[in-house]
Amino acid sequence: MPAKDTCHDAVKNALIKDGWTITADPYYIIYGKLRLVADLGAERPLSAQRGDEKIVIEVKSFLNSSFIYDLERAVGQYIIYRNYLKRTAPDHQIYLALGQLVYKANFDETIQVVVDENQLKLIIVDTDKEVITKWIS
């Protein structure tokens, strides 16, 4: 099993504070012989008519000296997980969770091209306060 990112617990606690129920830690995506491991699965009730909102979260700390290297790996994982979730759990949406400091320091208009072109959904977390500061869909 892959090691947890350093902000894993902060993201998990922020989701719980935001009303989410953690349903899997980690969340397994199984397709044929393929077994992928995302960081978290979560859900929360929307309404009696609409059912539950279900998400899978891949947490990234972006700790390497090269932000672009970490971004390449994160985006690649995100796209692979999204592709297999469409087949195994189409009612789940995938999100990439990262710390607010990483987001503010690196996600400018240049990186926004990658977010837009790959339709990335992001959860931005204040890892010190363990609260979600922004959802980007």
Protein backbone atom coordinates (compact mmCIF):
# COMPACT_ATOMS: atom_id res chain seq x y z
CA MET A 1 0.00 0.00 0.00
CA PRO A 2 1.39 3.44 -0.89
CA ALA A 3 2.44 5.76 1.93
CA LYS A 4 0.01 8.49 2.96
CA ASP A 5 0.81 12.04 1.93
CA THR A 6 1.80 14.33 4.78
CA CYS A 7 -1.46 16.28 4.54
CA HIS A 8 -3.67 13.16 4.34
CA ASP A 9 -5.05 13.43 7.87
CA ALA A 10 -5.63 17.19 7.56
CA VAL A 11 -7.66 16.63 4.37
CA LYS A 12 -9.61 13.80 5.98
CA ASN A 13 -10.42 15.91 9.05
CA ALA A 14 -11.40 18.88 6.87
CA LEU A 15 -13.84 16.69 4.93
CA ILE A 16 -15.39 15.42 8.16
CA LYS A 17 -15.75 19.01 9.45
CA ASP A 18 -17.44 19.88 6.15
CA GLY A 19 -20.12 17.23 6.70
CA TRP A 20 -18.65 14.33 4.74
CA THR A 21 -18.60 10.74 5.96
CA ILE A 22 -15.37 8.94 5.14
CA THR A 23 -16.40 5.62 3.59
CA ALA A 24 -12.94 4.33 2.64
CA ASP A 25 -9.38 5.06 3.74
CA PRO A 26 -7.91 4.08 1.31
CA TYR A 27 -10.39 3.75 -1.56
CA TYR A 28 -9.73 0.81 -3.90
CA ILE A 29 -10.54 0.99 -7.59
CA ILE A 30 -10.63 -2.55 -8.96
CA TYR A 31 -11.03 -3.23 -12.67
CA GLY A 32 -10.27 -6.75 -13.85
CA LYS A 33 -6.78 -7.58 -12.60
CA LEU A 34 -6.00 -3.90 -12.02
CA ARG A 35 -6.05 -2.63 -8.42
CA LEU A 36 -5.57 1.11 -7.91
CA VAL A 37 -5.41 2.81 -4.53
CA ALA A 38 -6.82 6.33 -4.12
CA ASP A 39 -6.52 8.04 -0.76
CA LEU A 40 -10.11 8.51 0.41
CA GLY A 41 -13.72 7.77 -0.41
CA ALA A 42 -16.43 10.00 1.07
CA GLU A 43 -20.12 10.72 0.79
CA ARG A 44 -22.75 13.03 2.20
CA PRO A 45 -26.49 13.18 1.79
CA LEU A 46 -27.82 15.80 -0.60
CA SER A 47 -31.56 15.34 -0.19
CA ALA A 48 -34.11 12.57 -0.13
CA GLN A 49 -34.77 13.06 -3.84
CA ARG A 50 -31.18 13.33 -5.03
CA GLY A 51 -29.54 10.68 -2.84
CA ASP A 52 -25.92 10.88 -1.75
CA GLU A 53 -23.00 12.77 -3.25
CA LYS A 54 -20.02 10.42 -3.55
CA ILE A 55 -16.43 11.44 -4.11
CA VAL A 56 -12.99 9.87 -4.29
CA ILE A 57 -10.09 12.02 -3.18
CA GLU A 58 -6.46 11.78 -4.18
CA VAL A 59 -4.35 13.76 -1.69
CA LYS A 60 -1.10 15.35 -2.82
CA SER A 61 1.44 17.23 -0.70
CA PHE A 62 3.70 18.44 -3.55
CA LEU A 63 6.90 18.08 -1.50
CA ASN A 64 9.47 17.38 -4.23
CA SER A 65 11.86 20.13 -5.23
CA SER A 66 10.19 20.22 -8.65
CA PHE A 67 6.55 21.30 -8.52
CA ILE A 68 6.11 20.32 -12.19
CA TYR A 69 7.31 16.78 -11.48
CA ASP A 70 4.73 16.45 -8.68
CA LEU A 71 2.06 17.99 -10.91
CA GLU A 72 2.78 15.52 -13.73
CA ARG A 73 2.41 12.59 -11.34
CA ALA A 74 -0.72 14.02 -9.70
CA VAL A 75 -2.47 14.77 -13.00
CA GLY A 76 -1.53 11.37 -14.42
CA GLN A 77 -2.91 9.59 -11.36
CA TYR A 78 -6.03 11.74 -11.38
CA ILE A 79 -6.80 10.96 -15.04
CA ILE A 80 -6.16 7.23 -14.63
CA TYR A 81 -8.37 7.06 -11.54
CA ARG A 82 -11.10 9.10 -13.25
CA ASN A 83 -11.07 6.77 -16.27
CA TYR A 84 -11.48 3.63 -14.15
CA LEU A 85 -14.04 5.22 -11.81
CA LYS A 86 -16.24 5.87 -14.86
CA ARG A 87 -16.37 2.10 -15.34
CA THR A 88 -16.41 0.89 -11.73
CA ALA A 89 -18.27 3.63 -9.82
CA PRO A 90 -19.83 6.09 -12.26
CA ASP A 91 -21.73 7.81 -9.45
CA HIS A 92 -18.43 8.95 -7.87
CA GLN A 93 -16.56 12.14 -8.74
CA ILE A 94 -12.79 12.37 -8.29
CA TYR A 95 -11.05 15.31 -6.65
CA LEU A 96 -7.42 16.21 -6.18
CA ALA A 97 -6.85 17.61 -2.67
CA LEU A 98 -3.92 19.85 -1.84
CA GLY A 99 -2.85 22.35 0.75
CA GLN A 100 -3.78 25.99 0.51
CA LEU A 101 -0.13 27.12 0.66
CA VAL A 102 0.80 24.89 -2.29
CA TYR A 103 -2.22 26.16 -4.21
CA LYS A 104 -1.45 29.84 -3.56
CA ALA A 105 2.25 29.45 -4.37
CA ASN A 106 1.91 27.41 -7.57
CA PHE A 107 -1.55 27.44 -9.13
CA ASP A 108 -1.39 30.61 -11.15
CA GLU A 109 -2.78 31.27 -14.63
CA THR A 110 0.01 29.16 -16.15
CA ILE A 111 -0.97 26.04 -14.20
CA GLN A 112 -4.66 26.87 -14.68
CA VAL A 113 -4.20 25.69 -18.29
CA VAL A 114 -3.51 22.17 -16.97
CA VAL A 115 -6.49 22.35 -14.58
CA ASP A 116 -8.83 23.54 -17.35
CA GLU A 117 -7.63 21.23 -20.14
CA ASN A 118 -7.80 18.14 -17.91
CA GLN A 119 -11.02 19.19 -16.15
CA LEU A 120 -9.44 18.72 -12.73
CA LYS A 121 -11.65 19.05 -9.69
CA LEU A 122 -9.74 20.42 -6.71
CA ILE A 123 -10.24 20.61 -2.97
CA ILE A 124 -8.06 23.25 -1.34
CA VAL A 125 -7.42 22.71 2.38
CA ASP A 126 -5.94 24.88 5.10
CA THR A 127 -3.87 22.06 6.55
CA ASP A 128 -3.14 23.92 9.81
CA LYS A 129 -6.81 24.59 10.62
CA GLU A 130 -7.98 21.41 8.85
CA VAL A 131 -10.74 23.19 6.94
CA ILE A 132 -11.67 23.27 3.28
CA THR A 133 -11.10 26.76 1.90
CA LYS A 134 -12.13 26.19 -1.70
CA TRP A 135 -13.84 23.69 -3.99
CA ILE A 136 -12.96 23.99 -7.67
CA SER A 137 -15.21 22.05 -10.04
